[in-house]
């Protein structure tokens, strides 16, 4: 097996990486950028309750549903080309969203934003795989990619709050336009094209091009039926899980999950029969790829599942304004800034499975700190717990991403990145549903006997802390304070139990990493009937950075 280090990237490749991080930041920000803008949008466009939910959710649904399709499309037509198409769609849709004059139009352009985002996200990660073939350089690049992705989600509410202090709600979309224009101008000069049958050029070029497909001039055909089946599998499942988390069990969300799983089975069976599948099931079966996909799913399960509790605790329990709470929620990024590069450096010296396990163990400790929160806990303790669990999670996710990308052949990098990101989307939806339901159940049980006699709208009070706060605003001072105290204590208790669930999940992820992924990064296990994947690991861990 060839242990020669891959060709090293130079200044041009690192500059290209910086350019690619711009769309990644904006696409991840758009997941959360409307949190503060919804009141202004509601006042201007007067959407119904259902339309308001679709304004919030449409972007994420389309983004998640199209990731696999766009990853495969990028592998076939070229990832740089798909980045340019995605940037154009994202920029035009952002301008249309900023000046939308009706709720229906805003929902439609949010779907277009999801289409553009789905074209951008897997392509940026796949291009990292093709720009950086030296293992140590790729580890640094993936660390940056993961940090930008997670930071963007946290940064969305902050940017939204700052813009809404001075401008109208359309400004949260309009900021995307100049950034996408810059991307369209720079990418053709800085980022080499890469696809199945056309490897990237220059220092990052792979020496293992895919075999040509005679009917399509070197690129296998794009399978429209597989694309439709992947949409039919992902969208109903994610919709059903989110609705279940929001409203509890109902027949329609349950049916959606069942239909999605049925489409998923049909999709997988089709992939096994195709000569050029949209998802390489053999690759997914490799420890070095399938293991990190599962680890990332668990990481996003805990991250998204606890995010709602964390922000609501800052606002509704500690009494901070939305913008102040959003700014404080950025503090855990300090933990990420320390642990992510530290984990990447350790992974060059010891088995990456142990580093991943350590990251998950650290995050479990952070969640255990959250279990000790009370309604009067100091802010610094809350931020400490958030910093510890966020730092551990991102460190583990960085290693998982790098391990999976290293296992994927360069010609399949887009599909591999899409599978990774689809797993993250599904993990986030499951975290919101399961951990959210656990916290809500504890809250409702604690409030069953915590509502003072004679309080109106008792059902709303027992359902959510927001409902209790709304009812308390209409009550006399002493009764309102009694109700709010009971609701805050019930919410904090529910958050603590949900944090225990997150800690258990992270402990399981750490154990899985150490037991099943040891040595997986040294070489990808060959798929039966296929040649072994090339190994680009340096011959010595002491090779110069």
Protein backbone atom coordinates (compact mmCIF):
# COMPACT_ATOMS: atom_id res chain seq x y z
CA UNK A 1 0.00 0.00 0.00
CA UNK A 2 1.29 3.44 -0.92
CA UNK A 3 2.01 5.50 2.20
CA UNK A 4 3.45 8.45 0.34
CA UNK A 5 2.00 11.73 1.58
CA UNK A 6 -0.39 13.41 -0.82
CA UNK A 7 0.70 16.54 -2.69
CA UNK A 8 0.73 19.60 -0.45
CA UNK A 9 -1.54 22.56 -1.07
CA UNK A 10 -0.11 26.04 -1.46
CA UNK A 11 -1.28 29.61 -0.98
CA UNK A 12 -3.80 29.39 -3.81
CA UNK A 13 -5.57 26.39 -2.26
CA UNK A 14 -5.75 28.05 1.18
CA UNK A 15 -7.11 31.23 -0.41
CA UNK A 16 -9.68 29.12 -2.24
CA UNK A 17 -10.69 27.55 1.07
CA UNK A 18 -11.26 31.00 2.53
CA UNK A 19 -13.51 31.89 -0.39
CA UNK A 20 -15.49 28.65 0.01
CA UNK A 21 -16.08 29.35 3.69
CA UNK A 22 -18.12 32.46 2.79
CA UNK A 23 -21.11 30.60 1.31
CA UNK A 24 -20.91 27.95 4.03
CA UNK A 25 -21.20 30.64 6.71
CA UNK A 26 -24.20 32.28 5.03
CA UNK A 27 -25.99 29.01 4.28
CA UNK A 28 -25.64 27.87 7.91
CA UNK A 29 -26.70 31.31 9.18
CA UNK A 30 -29.90 31.14 7.13
CA UNK A 31 -31.07 28.19 9.23
CA UNK A 32 -31.51 30.50 12.24
CA UNK A 33 -31.47 34.04 10.82
CA UNK A 34 -35.28 34.44 10.91
CA UNK A 35 -35.68 33.79 14.66
CA UNK A 36 -35.78 37.53 15.47
CA UNK A 37 -37.28 38.64 12.16
CA UNK A 38 -40.52 36.66 12.38
CA UNK A 39 -42.40 39.32 14.44
CA UNK A 40 -41.59 42.00 11.85
CA UNK A 41 -42.46 39.69 8.96
CA UNK A 42 -45.76 38.78 10.65
CA UNK A 43 -46.64 42.44 11.08
CA UNK A 44 -45.83 43.29 7.46
CA UNK A 45 -47.04 40.21 5.54
CA UNK A 46 -49.71 38.99 7.98
CA UNK A 47 -49.11 35.25 7.44
CA UNK A 48 -51.41 32.67 9.00
CA UNK A 49 -50.03 30.47 11.78
CA UNK A 50 -49.41 27.69 9.27
CA UNK A 51 -47.72 30.03 6.80
CA UNK A 52 -45.47 31.36 9.57
CA UNK A 53 -44.29 27.84 10.34
CA UNK A 54 -43.57 27.21 6.66
CA UNK A 55 -41.63 30.48 6.40
CA UNK A 56 -39.39 29.18 9.18
CA UNK A 57 -39.17 25.54 8.09
CA UNK A 58 -39.26 25.56 4.28
CA UNK A 59 -35.55 26.41 3.93
CA UNK A 60 -34.42 23.58 6.20
CA UNK A 61 -36.76 21.03 4.62
CA UNK A 62 -35.60 21.70 1.06
CA UNK A 63 -31.95 21.93 2.13
CA UNK A 64 -32.08 18.56 3.88
CA UNK A 65 -34.08 16.87 1.14
CA UNK A 66 -31.77 17.88 -1.69
CA UNK A 67 -28.35 17.31 -0.10
CA UNK A 68 -27.90 13.79 -1.47
CA UNK A 69 -29.16 14.80 -4.91
CA UNK A 70 -26.84 17.80 -5.09
CA UNK A 71 -23.85 15.86 -3.80
CA UNK A 72 -24.28 13.29 -6.56
CA UNK A 73 -24.93 16.00 -9.15
CA UNK A 74 -21.71 17.79 -8.18
CA UNK A 75 -19.75 14.57 -8.61
CA UNK A 76 -21.10 14.27 -12.14
CA UNK A 77 -21.18 17.82 -13.56
CA UNK A 78 -18.39 19.34 -11.48
CA UNK A 79 -18.36 20.68 -7.93
CA UNK A 80 -17.04 24.12 -8.83
CA UNK A 81 -19.78 24.46 -11.45
CA UNK A 82 -22.39 23.48 -8.87
CA UNK A 83 -20.99 26.01 -6.37
CA UNK A 84 -21.40 28.74 -8.99
CA UNK A 85 -24.96 27.65 -9.80
CA UNK A 86 -25.79 27.44 -6.11
CA UNK A 87 -24.34 30.88 -5.44
CA UNK A 88 -26.38 32.41 -8.28
CA UNK A 89 -29.60 30.78 -7.07
CA UNK A 90 -28.91 31.70 -3.45
CA UNK A 91 -28.13 35.32 -4.31
CA UNK A 92 -31.17 35.80 -6.56
CA UNK A 93 -33.48 34.09 -4.05
CA UNK A 94 -32.09 36.27 -1.25
CA UNK A 95 -32.91 39.43 -3.21
CA UNK A 96 -36.41 38.11 -3.95
CA UNK A 97 -36.96 37.20 -0.28
CA UNK A 98 -35.88 40.67 0.88
CA UNK A 99 -38.63 42.30 -1.20
CA UNK A 100 -41.32 39.59 -0.94
CA UNK A 101 -44.75 41.22 -0.74
CA UNK A 102 -46.72 38.19 0.44
CA UNK A 103 -46.30 35.19 2.71
CA UNK A 104 -46.79 32.82 -0.22
CA UNK A 105 -43.96 34.44 -2.18
CA UNK A 106 -41.65 34.39 0.83
CA UNK A 107 -42.31 30.67 1.35
CA UNK A 108 -41.55 30.02 -2.33
CA UNK A 109 -38.26 31.91 -2.31
CA UNK A 110 -37.28 30.24 0.97
CA UNK A 111 -37.58 26.98 -0.95
CA UNK A 112 -35.26 28.41 -3.64
CA UNK A 113 -32.83 29.42 -0.90
CA UNK A 114 -32.86 25.81 0.27
CA UNK A 115 -32.13 24.68 -3.28
CA UNK A 116 -29.15 27.04 -3.52
CA UNK A 117 -27.92 26.03 -0.06
CA UNK A 118 -28.14 22.34 -0.93
CA UNK A 119 -26.00 22.97 -4.01
CA UNK A 120 -23.40 24.86 -1.95
CA UNK A 121 -22.96 22.79 1.23
CA UNK A 122 -21.81 19.36 -0.01
CA UNK A 123 -19.81 20.98 -2.81
CA UNK A 124 -17.75 23.07 -0.37
CA UNK A 125 -16.85 20.03 1.73
CA UNK A 126 -16.16 17.92 -1.36
CA UNK A 127 -13.84 20.60 -2.73
CA UNK A 128 -11.93 20.52 0.57
CA UNK A 129 -11.32 16.83 -0.16
CA UNK A 130 -10.03 17.68 -3.63
CA UNK A 131 -8.01 20.75 -2.66
CA UNK A 132 -6.15 19.11 0.25
CA UNK A 133 -4.65 15.65 -0.25
CA UNK A 134 -1.99 16.01 2.39
CA UNK A 135 -3.57 14.51 5.52
CA UNK A 136 -2.37 17.13 8.00
CA UNK A 137 -3.42 20.02 5.78
CA UNK A 138 -6.79 18.41 5.14
CA UNK A 139 -7.31 18.00 8.89
CA UNK A 140 -6.76 21.74 9.37
CA UNK A 141 -9.09 22.56 6.49
CA UNK A 142 -11.87 20.30 7.80
CA UNK A 143 -11.44 21.83 11.27
CA UNK A 144 -12.06 25.25 9.76
CA UNK A 145 -15.03 23.96 7.72
CA UNK A 146 -16.69 22.43 10.81
CA UNK A 147 -16.05 25.51 12.95
CA UNK A 148 -17.54 27.83 10.31
CA UNK A 149 -20.62 25.59 9.94
CA UNK A 150 -21.39 25.51 13.67
CA UNK A 151 -20.53 29.19 14.16
CA UNK A 152 -22.88 30.20 11.36
CA UNK A 153 -25.85 28.55 13.06
CA UNK A 154 -25.07 30.44 16.28
CA UNK A 155 -24.33 33.68 14.46
CA UNK A 156 -27.63 33.80 12.58
CA UNK A 157 -29.75 35.21 15.44
CA UNK A 158 -27.04 37.73 16.37
CA UNK A 159 -26.75 39.11 12.83
CA UNK A 160 -30.53 39.15 12.57
CA UNK A 161 -30.87 41.08 15.84
CA UNK A 162 -28.24 43.64 14.89
CA UNK A 163 -29.73 44.27 11.45
CA UNK A 164 -33.27 44.60 12.80
CA UNK A 165 -32.08 47.27 15.21
CA UNK A 166 -31.46 49.55 12.21
CA UNK A 167 -33.14 48.13 9.07
CA UNK A 168 -36.30 46.36 7.90
CA UNK A 169 -36.69 42.59 8.00
CA UNK A 170 -35.59 42.16 4.37
CA UNK A 171 -32.04 43.15 5.35
CA UNK A 172 -31.45 39.70 6.88
CA UNK A 173 -31.70 38.29 3.34
CA UNK A 174 -30.13 41.16 1.45
CA UNK A 175 -26.72 40.73 3.13
CA UNK A 176 -26.33 37.49 1.17
CA UNK A 177 -26.35 39.21 -2.21
CA UNK A 178 -22.91 40.95 -2.21
CA UNK A 179 -21.31 37.87 -0.65
CA UNK A 180 -22.65 35.63 -3.41
CA UNK A 181 -21.55 38.14 -6.06
CA UNK A 182 -18.02 38.03 -4.60
CA UNK A 183 -18.13 34.23 -4.67
CA UNK A 184 -19.15 34.21 -8.32
CA UNK A 185 -16.26 36.53 -9.17
CA UNK A 186 -13.50 34.69 -7.29
CA UNK A 187 -14.30 30.98 -7.51
CA UNK A 188 -13.49 30.59 -11.25
CA UNK A 189 -9.96 31.93 -10.64
CA UNK A 190 -9.15 30.22 -7.33
CA UNK A 191 -10.98 26.88 -7.21
CA UNK A 192 -10.08 24.12 -9.68
CA UNK A 193 -12.90 22.05 -11.17
CA UNK A 194 -13.31 18.46 -10.01
CA UNK A 195 -15.85 15.76 -10.77
CA UNK A 196 -16.12 12.08 -11.58
CA UNK A 197 -13.83 11.64 -14.57
CA UNK A 198 -12.26 15.10 -14.13
CA UNK A 199 -10.01 15.36 -11.06
CA UNK A 200 -8.91 18.71 -9.74
CA UNK A 201 -5.77 20.20 -11.20
CA UNK A 202 -2.61 21.65 -9.73
CA UNK A 203 -0.98 20.65 -6.43
CA UNK A 204 -4.20 19.12 -5.09
CA UNK A 205 -4.85 16.92 -8.10
CA UNK A 206 -5.56 13.29 -7.39
CA UNK A 207 -3.52 10.57 -9.02
CA UNK A 208 -6.48 8.16 -9.01
CA UNK A 209 -9.08 9.38 -11.54
CA UNK A 210 -12.31 7.47 -11.90
CA UNK A 211 -12.78 5.25 -14.94
CA UNK A 212 -14.51 6.94 -17.82
CA UNK A 213 -18.11 6.23 -18.68
CA UNK A 214 -18.31 5.92 -22.48
CA UNK A 215 -21.93 7.01 -22.87
CA UNK A 216 -21.45 10.32 -21.08
CA UNK A 217 -17.91 11.36 -21.94
CA UNK A 218 -16.31 10.31 -18.64
CA UNK A 219 -19.23 11.01 -16.29
CA UNK A 220 -21.91 8.48 -15.28
CA UNK A 221 -25.51 9.47 -15.96
CA UNK A 222 -27.48 11.31 -13.29
CA UNK A 223 -30.28 9.09 -11.98
CA UNK A 224 -33.47 11.17 -11.70
CA UNK A 225 -35.45 8.32 -10.16
CA UNK A 226 -32.91 7.92 -7.35
CA UNK A 227 -33.08 11.66 -6.77
CA UNK A 228 -36.87 11.51 -6.44
CA UNK A 229 -36.64 8.52 -4.10
CA UNK A 230 -34.09 10.29 -1.87
CA UNK A 231 -36.45 13.28 -1.61
CA UNK A 232 -39.32 10.93 -0.83
CA UNK A 233 -37.25 9.34 1.93
CA UNK A 234 -35.76 12.40 3.62
CA UNK A 235 -38.50 15.04 3.45
CA UNK A 236 -41.36 13.05 5.05
CA UNK A 237 -39.11 11.72 7.82
CA UNK A 238 -37.69 15.13 8.73
CA UNK A 239 -41.14 16.74 8.49
CA UNK A 240 -42.69 14.02 10.66
CA UNK A 241 -39.96 14.20 13.30
CA UNK A 242 -40.15 18.01 13.53
CA UNK A 243 -43.95 18.02 13.75
CA UNK A 244 -43.83 15.30 16.38
CA UNK A 245 -41.39 17.43 18.39
CA UNK A 246 -43.55 20.54 18.01
CA UNK A 247 -47.03 19.12 18.64
CA UNK A 248 -46.58 15.60 19.99
CA UNK A 249 -47.88 12.43 18.38
CA UNK A 250 -50.38 12.88 15.57
CA UNK A 251 -51.40 10.55 12.71
CA UNK A 252 -50.07 12.76 9.89
CA UNK A 253 -46.46 13.10 11.19
CA UNK A 254 -46.40 9.38 12.04
CA UNK A 255 -47.62 8.54 8.53
CA UNK A 256 -44.96 10.86 7.09
CA UNK A 257 -42.21 9.00 8.94
CA UNK A 258 -43.56 5.63 7.79
CA UNK A 259 -43.79 6.78 4.16
CA UNK A 260 -40.28 8.22 4.29
CA UNK A 261 -38.86 4.97 5.67
CA UNK A 262 -40.63 3.01 2.93
CA UNK A 263 -39.13 5.27 0.24
CA UNK A 264 -35.77 4.88 1.98
CA UNK A 265 -35.92 1.10 1.64
CA UNK A 266 -36.80 1.39 -2.06
CA UNK A 267 -33.99 3.93 -2.54
CA UNK A 268 -31.42 1.63 -0.92
CA UNK A 269 -32.52 -1.37 -2.97
CA UNK A 270 -32.16 0.66 -6.15
CA UNK A 271 -28.66 1.80 -5.18
CA UNK A 272 -27.56 -1.82 -4.84
CA UNK A 273 -28.57 -2.56 -8.43
CA UNK A 274 -27.11 0.51 -10.16
CA UNK A 275 -23.67 0.50 -11.78
CA UNK A 276 -23.19 4.13 -10.71
CA UNK A 277 -25.32 4.61 -7.57
CA UNK A 278 -26.14 7.99 -6.06
CA UNK A 279 -24.93 6.64 -2.69
CA UNK A 280 -22.13 4.09 -2.63
CA UNK A 281 -23.45 1.56 -0.10
CA UNK A 282 -20.08 -0.18 -0.13
CA UNK A 283 -18.46 3.07 1.01
CA UNK A 284 -21.15 3.53 3.66
CA UNK A 285 -20.32 0.05 4.96
CA UNK A 286 -16.68 0.94 5.60
CA UNK A 287 -15.79 1.61 9.21
CA UNK A 288 -13.85 4.73 8.28
CA UNK A 289 -16.91 6.26 6.59
CA UNK A 290 -20.08 4.74 8.04
CA UNK A 291 -18.77 5.07 11.60
CA UNK A 292 -18.16 8.84 11.37
CA UNK A 293 -21.59 9.30 9.73
CA UNK A 294 -23.22 7.71 12.79
CA UNK A 295 -20.97 9.67 15.17
CA UNK A 296 -21.92 12.95 13.47
CA UNK A 297 -25.61 12.04 13.65
CA UNK A 298 -25.29 11.55 17.42
CA UNK A 299 -23.34 14.80 17.77
CA UNK A 300 -26.04 16.81 16.01
CA UNK A 301 -28.70 14.96 18.03
CA UNK A 302 -27.24 16.49 21.19
CA UNK A 303 -26.32 19.86 19.68
CA UNK A 304 -29.71 20.73 18.18
CA UNK A 305 -31.68 18.97 20.90
CA UNK A 306 -30.14 21.18 23.58
CA UNK A 307 -29.94 24.42 21.57
CA UNK A 308 -33.61 25.31 22.09
CA UNK A 309 -33.32 24.73 25.84
CA UNK A 310 -30.14 26.78 26.11
CA UNK A 311 -31.46 29.88 24.35
CA UNK A 312 -34.82 29.73 26.13
CA UNK A 313 -33.11 29.35 29.50
CA UNK A 314 -31.09 32.51 28.88
CA UNK A 315 -34.17 34.49 27.88
CA UNK A 316 -37.11 33.12 29.84
CA UNK A 317 -35.37 31.95 33.03
CA UNK A 318 -32.45 34.37 33.40
CA UNK A 319 -34.53 37.22 31.93
CA UNK A 320 -32.21 38.43 29.15
CA UNK A 321 -33.40 40.22 26.02
CA UNK A 322 -33.32 38.17 22.79
CA UNK A 323 -30.32 40.07 21.39
CA UNK A 324 -28.39 39.89 24.68
CA UNK A 325 -29.11 36.17 24.94
CA UNK A 326 -27.97 35.66 21.33
CA UNK A 327 -24.70 37.50 22.01
CA UNK A 328 -24.01 35.49 25.17
CA UNK A 329 -24.78 32.29 23.27
CA UNK A 330 -21.68 32.98 21.15
CA UNK A 331 -19.41 32.54 24.18
CA UNK A 332 -19.29 28.72 23.79
CA UNK A 333 -17.52 29.38 20.48
CA UNK A 334 -14.46 30.11 22.67
CA UNK A 335 -14.48 26.46 23.72
CA UNK A 336 -14.67 25.45 20.08
CA UNK A 337 -11.73 27.72 19.20
CA UNK A 338 -9.59 25.84 21.72
CA UNK A 339 -10.71 22.23 21.40
CA UNK A 340 -11.16 21.89 17.62
CA UNK A 341 -7.54 22.68 16.63
CA UNK A 342 -6.28 20.80 19.69
CA UNK A 343 -8.21 17.71 18.63
CA UNK A 344 -6.94 18.00 15.06
CA UNK A 345 -3.34 18.23 16.33
CA UNK A 346 -3.75 15.24 18.65
CA UNK A 347 -5.22 13.20 15.80
CA UNK A 348 -1.88 13.49 13.98
CA UNK A 349 -0.13 11.73 16.89
CA UNK A 350 -2.59 9.19 18.27
CA UNK A 351 -5.43 7.12 16.87
CA UNK A 352 -8.27 9.39 15.80
CA UNK A 353 -10.80 7.08 17.48
CA UNK A 354 -9.35 8.03 20.87
CA UNK A 355 -9.50 11.73 20.03
CA UNK A 356 -13.13 11.40 18.96
CA UNK A 357 -13.89 9.45 22.10
CA UNK A 358 -12.23 12.15 24.19
CA UNK A 359 -14.25 14.87 22.46
CA UNK A 360 -17.50 13.05 23.11
CA UNK A 361 -16.49 12.42 26.73
CA UNK A 362 -15.75 16.13 27.17
CA UNK A 363 -19.14 17.04 25.72
CA UNK A 364 -20.82 14.57 28.09
CA UNK A 365 -19.13 16.37 30.99
CA UNK A 366 -20.49 19.67 29.69
CA UNK A 367 -24.02 18.28 29.57
CA UNK A 368 -23.61 16.97 33.12
CA UNK A 369 -22.73 20.52 34.18
CA UNK A 370 -25.99 21.68 32.57
CA UNK A 371 -27.93 19.16 34.69
CA UNK A 372 -26.92 21.14 37.80
CA UNK A 373 -28.42 24.44 36.60
CA UNK A 374 -31.03 26.10 38.81
CA UNK A 375 -33.27 29.08 38.14
CA UNK A 376 -30.83 31.32 40.02
CA UNK A 377 -27.56 29.85 38.69
CA UNK A 378 -24.96 32.46 37.72
CA UNK A 379 -24.51 33.24 34.04
CA UNK A 380 -20.85 32.19 34.07
CA UNK A 381 -21.78 28.65 35.10
CA UNK A 382 -24.31 28.36 32.29
CA UNK A 383 -21.75 29.57 29.74
CA UNK A 384 -19.11 27.22 31.16
CA UNK A 385 -21.36 24.22 30.62
CA UNK A 386 -22.20 25.38 27.10
CA UNK A 387 -18.53 25.97 26.27
CA UNK A 388 -17.47 22.52 27.48
CA UNK A 389 -20.13 20.57 25.61
CA UNK A 390 -19.82 22.66 22.43
CA UNK A 391 -16.04 22.37 22.42
CA UNK A 392 -16.11 18.61 22.85
CA UNK A 393 -18.78 18.14 20.20
CA UNK A 394 -17.05 20.20 17.52
CA UNK A 395 -13.70 18.54 18.24
CA UNK A 396 -15.28 15.11 17.74
CA UNK A 397 -17.23 16.22 14.64
CA UNK A 398 -14.08 17.66 13.07
CA UNK A 399 -12.23 14.36 13.41
CA UNK A 400 -15.28 12.44 12.15
CA UNK A 401 -15.58 14.67 9.06
CA UNK A 402 -11.88 14.38 8.29
CA UNK A 403 -11.89 10.61 8.78
CA UNK A 404 -14.89 10.14 6.49
CA UNK A 405 -13.52 12.42 3.76
CA UNK A 406 -10.19 10.63 3.87
CA UNK A 407 -11.97 7.30 3.34
CA UNK A 408 -13.96 8.56 0.34
CA UNK A 409 -12.34 8.37 -3.11
CA UNK A 410 -11.93 11.89 -4.53
CA UNK A 411 -14.34 11.18 -7.39
CA UNK A 412 -17.10 10.44 -4.83
CA UNK A 413 -16.37 13.33 -2.52
CA UNK A 414 -19.62 15.17 -3.27
CA UNK A 415 -21.81 12.15 -2.53
CA UNK A 416 -19.79 11.40 0.59
CA UNK A 417 -20.15 14.96 1.87
CA UNK A 418 -23.89 14.89 1.17
CA UNK A 419 -24.32 11.67 3.15
CA UNK A 420 -22.42 13.20 6.08
CA UNK A 421 -24.56 16.33 6.03
CA UNK A 422 -27.81 14.41 5.57
CA UNK A 423 -26.94 12.40 8.66
CA UNK A 424 -26.36 15.63 10.54
CA UNK A 425 -29.74 17.02 9.43
CA UNK A 426 -31.50 13.83 10.52
CA UNK A 427 -29.63 13.81 13.82
CA UNK A 428 -30.67 17.40 14.49
CA UNK A 429 -34.31 16.61 13.78
CA UNK A 430 -34.19 13.55 16.05
CA UNK A 431 -32.54 15.56 18.82
CA UNK A 432 -35.21 18.24 18.63
CA UNK A 433 -37.93 15.59 18.72
CA UNK A 434 -36.60 13.25 21.40
CA UNK A 435 -34.81 15.61 23.79
CA UNK A 436 -37.45 18.27 23.22
CA UNK A 437 -40.21 15.78 24.04
CA UNK A 438 -38.39 14.64 27.18
CA UNK A 439 -38.05 18.21 28.43
CA UNK A 440 -41.67 19.01 27.56
CA UNK A 441 -42.93 15.89 29.35
CA UNK A 442 -41.02 16.76 32.52
CA UNK A 443 -42.29 20.35 32.36
CA UNK A 444 -45.91 19.24 31.96
CA UNK A 445 -45.65 16.72 34.80
CA UNK A 446 -44.11 19.26 37.17
CA UNK A 447 -46.73 21.85 36.25
CA UNK A 448 -49.64 19.45 36.72
CA UNK A 449 -49.83 20.58 40.36
CA UNK A 450 -47.93 23.84 39.98
CA UNK A 451 -50.68 26.05 38.57
CA UNK A 452 -52.31 28.25 41.24
CA UNK A 453 -56.04 27.78 41.64
CA UNK A 454 -58.16 30.01 39.42
CA UNK A 455 -55.45 30.74 36.84
CA UNK A 456 -57.03 31.00 33.35
CA UNK A 457 -55.81 29.01 30.33
CA UNK A 458 -54.34 26.30 32.54
CA UNK A 459 -53.71 24.03 29.55
CA UNK A 460 -51.44 26.63 27.89
CA UNK A 461 -49.61 27.12 31.19
CA UNK A 462 -48.95 23.38 31.49
CA UNK A 463 -47.78 23.08 27.88
CA UNK A 464 -44.85 25.52 27.61
CA UNK A 465 -42.92 28.11 29.58
CA UNK A 466 -43.84 30.67 26.91
CA UNK A 467 -47.52 29.92 27.50
CA UNK A 468 -47.06 30.37 31.25
CA UNK A 469 -45.31 33.71 30.70
CA UNK A 470 -48.10 34.93 28.42
CA UNK A 471 -50.78 34.04 30.97
CA UNK A 472 -48.75 35.52 33.84
CA UNK A 473 -48.60 38.88 32.06
CA UNK A 474 -52.37 39.19 32.56
CA UNK A 475 -52.38 38.23 36.26
CA UNK A 476 -51.91 40.27 39.46
CA UNK A 477 -48.32 40.63 40.66
CA UNK A 478 -48.17 38.02 43.44
CA UNK A 479 -50.08 35.35 41.50
CA UNK A 480 -48.04 36.04 38.36
CA UNK A 481 -44.76 35.70 40.25
CA UNK A 482 -45.87 32.43 41.84
CA UNK A 483 -46.84 31.04 38.44
CA UNK A 484 -43.62 32.18 36.75
CA UNK A 485 -41.46 30.75 39.54
CA UNK A 486 -43.13 27.36 39.23
CA UNK A 487 -42.88 27.42 35.41
CA UNK A 488 -39.20 28.40 35.44
CA UNK A 489 -38.36 25.66 37.92
CA UNK A 490 -40.28 23.11 35.84
CA UNK A 491 -38.52 24.21 32.65
CA UNK A 492 -35.08 24.07 34.29
CA UNK A 493 -35.86 20.59 35.62
CA UNK A 494 -36.94 19.47 32.14
CA UNK A 495 -33.75 20.92 30.63
CA UNK A 496 -31.69 19.02 33.20
CA UNK A 497 -33.35 15.70 32.34
CA UNK A 498 -32.87 16.38 28.61
CA UNK A 499 -29.19 17.13 29.34
CA UNK A 500 -28.90 13.73 31.00
CA UNK A 501 -30.21 12.21 27.76
CA UNK A 502 -27.65 14.19 25.76
CA UNK A 503 -24.86 13.09 28.12
CA UNK A 504 -25.88 9.44 27.73
CA UNK A 505 -25.91 9.82 23.93
CA UNK A 506 -22.45 11.40 23.97
CA UNK A 507 -21.10 8.68 26.26
CA UNK A 508 -22.45 6.10 23.82
CA UNK A 509 -20.90 7.95 20.89
CA UNK A 510 -17.55 8.05 22.67
CA UNK A 511 -17.68 4.35 23.48
CA UNK A 512 -18.67 3.55 19.89
CA UNK A 513 -15.75 5.62 18.57
CA UNK A 514 -13.15 3.94 20.76
CA UNK A 515 -14.42 0.37 20.31
CA UNK A 516 -15.39 0.32 16.63
CA UNK A 517 -13.22 2.99 14.98
CA UNK A 518 -9.78 2.14 16.34
CA UNK A 519 -7.39 1.94 13.43
CA UNK A 520 -10.10 2.87 10.93
CA UNK A 521 -8.19 5.94 9.81
CA UNK A 522 -5.10 4.01 8.79
CA UNK A 523 -6.75 2.57 5.70
CA UNK A 524 -10.21 2.17 4.34
CA UNK A 525 -11.43 -1.40 4.37
CA UNK A 526 -11.86 -2.64 0.80
CA UNK A 527 -15.34 -3.20 -0.52
CA UNK A 528 -15.93 -6.71 -1.87
CA UNK A 529 -15.49 -6.66 -5.61
CA UNK A 530 -13.74 -3.27 -5.58
CA UNK A 531 -10.06 -2.33 -5.34
CA UNK A 532 -8.95 -0.86 -2.04
CA UNK A 533 -9.19 2.88 -1.73
CA UNK A 534 -5.86 4.70 -2.03
CA UNK A 535 -4.25 5.62 1.27
CA UNK A 536 -2.98 9.19 1.45
CA UNK A 537 -1.79 9.07 5.06
CA UNK A 538 1.76 10.33 5.62
CA UNK A 539 4.34 7.67 6.28
CA UNK A 540 5.31 9.43 9.49
CA UNK A 541 3.17 11.33 11.98
CA UNK A 542 6.13 13.60 12.46
CA UNK A 543 5.95 14.86 8.89
CA UNK A 544 6.26 18.63 8.72
CA UNK A 545 3.04 20.64 8.60
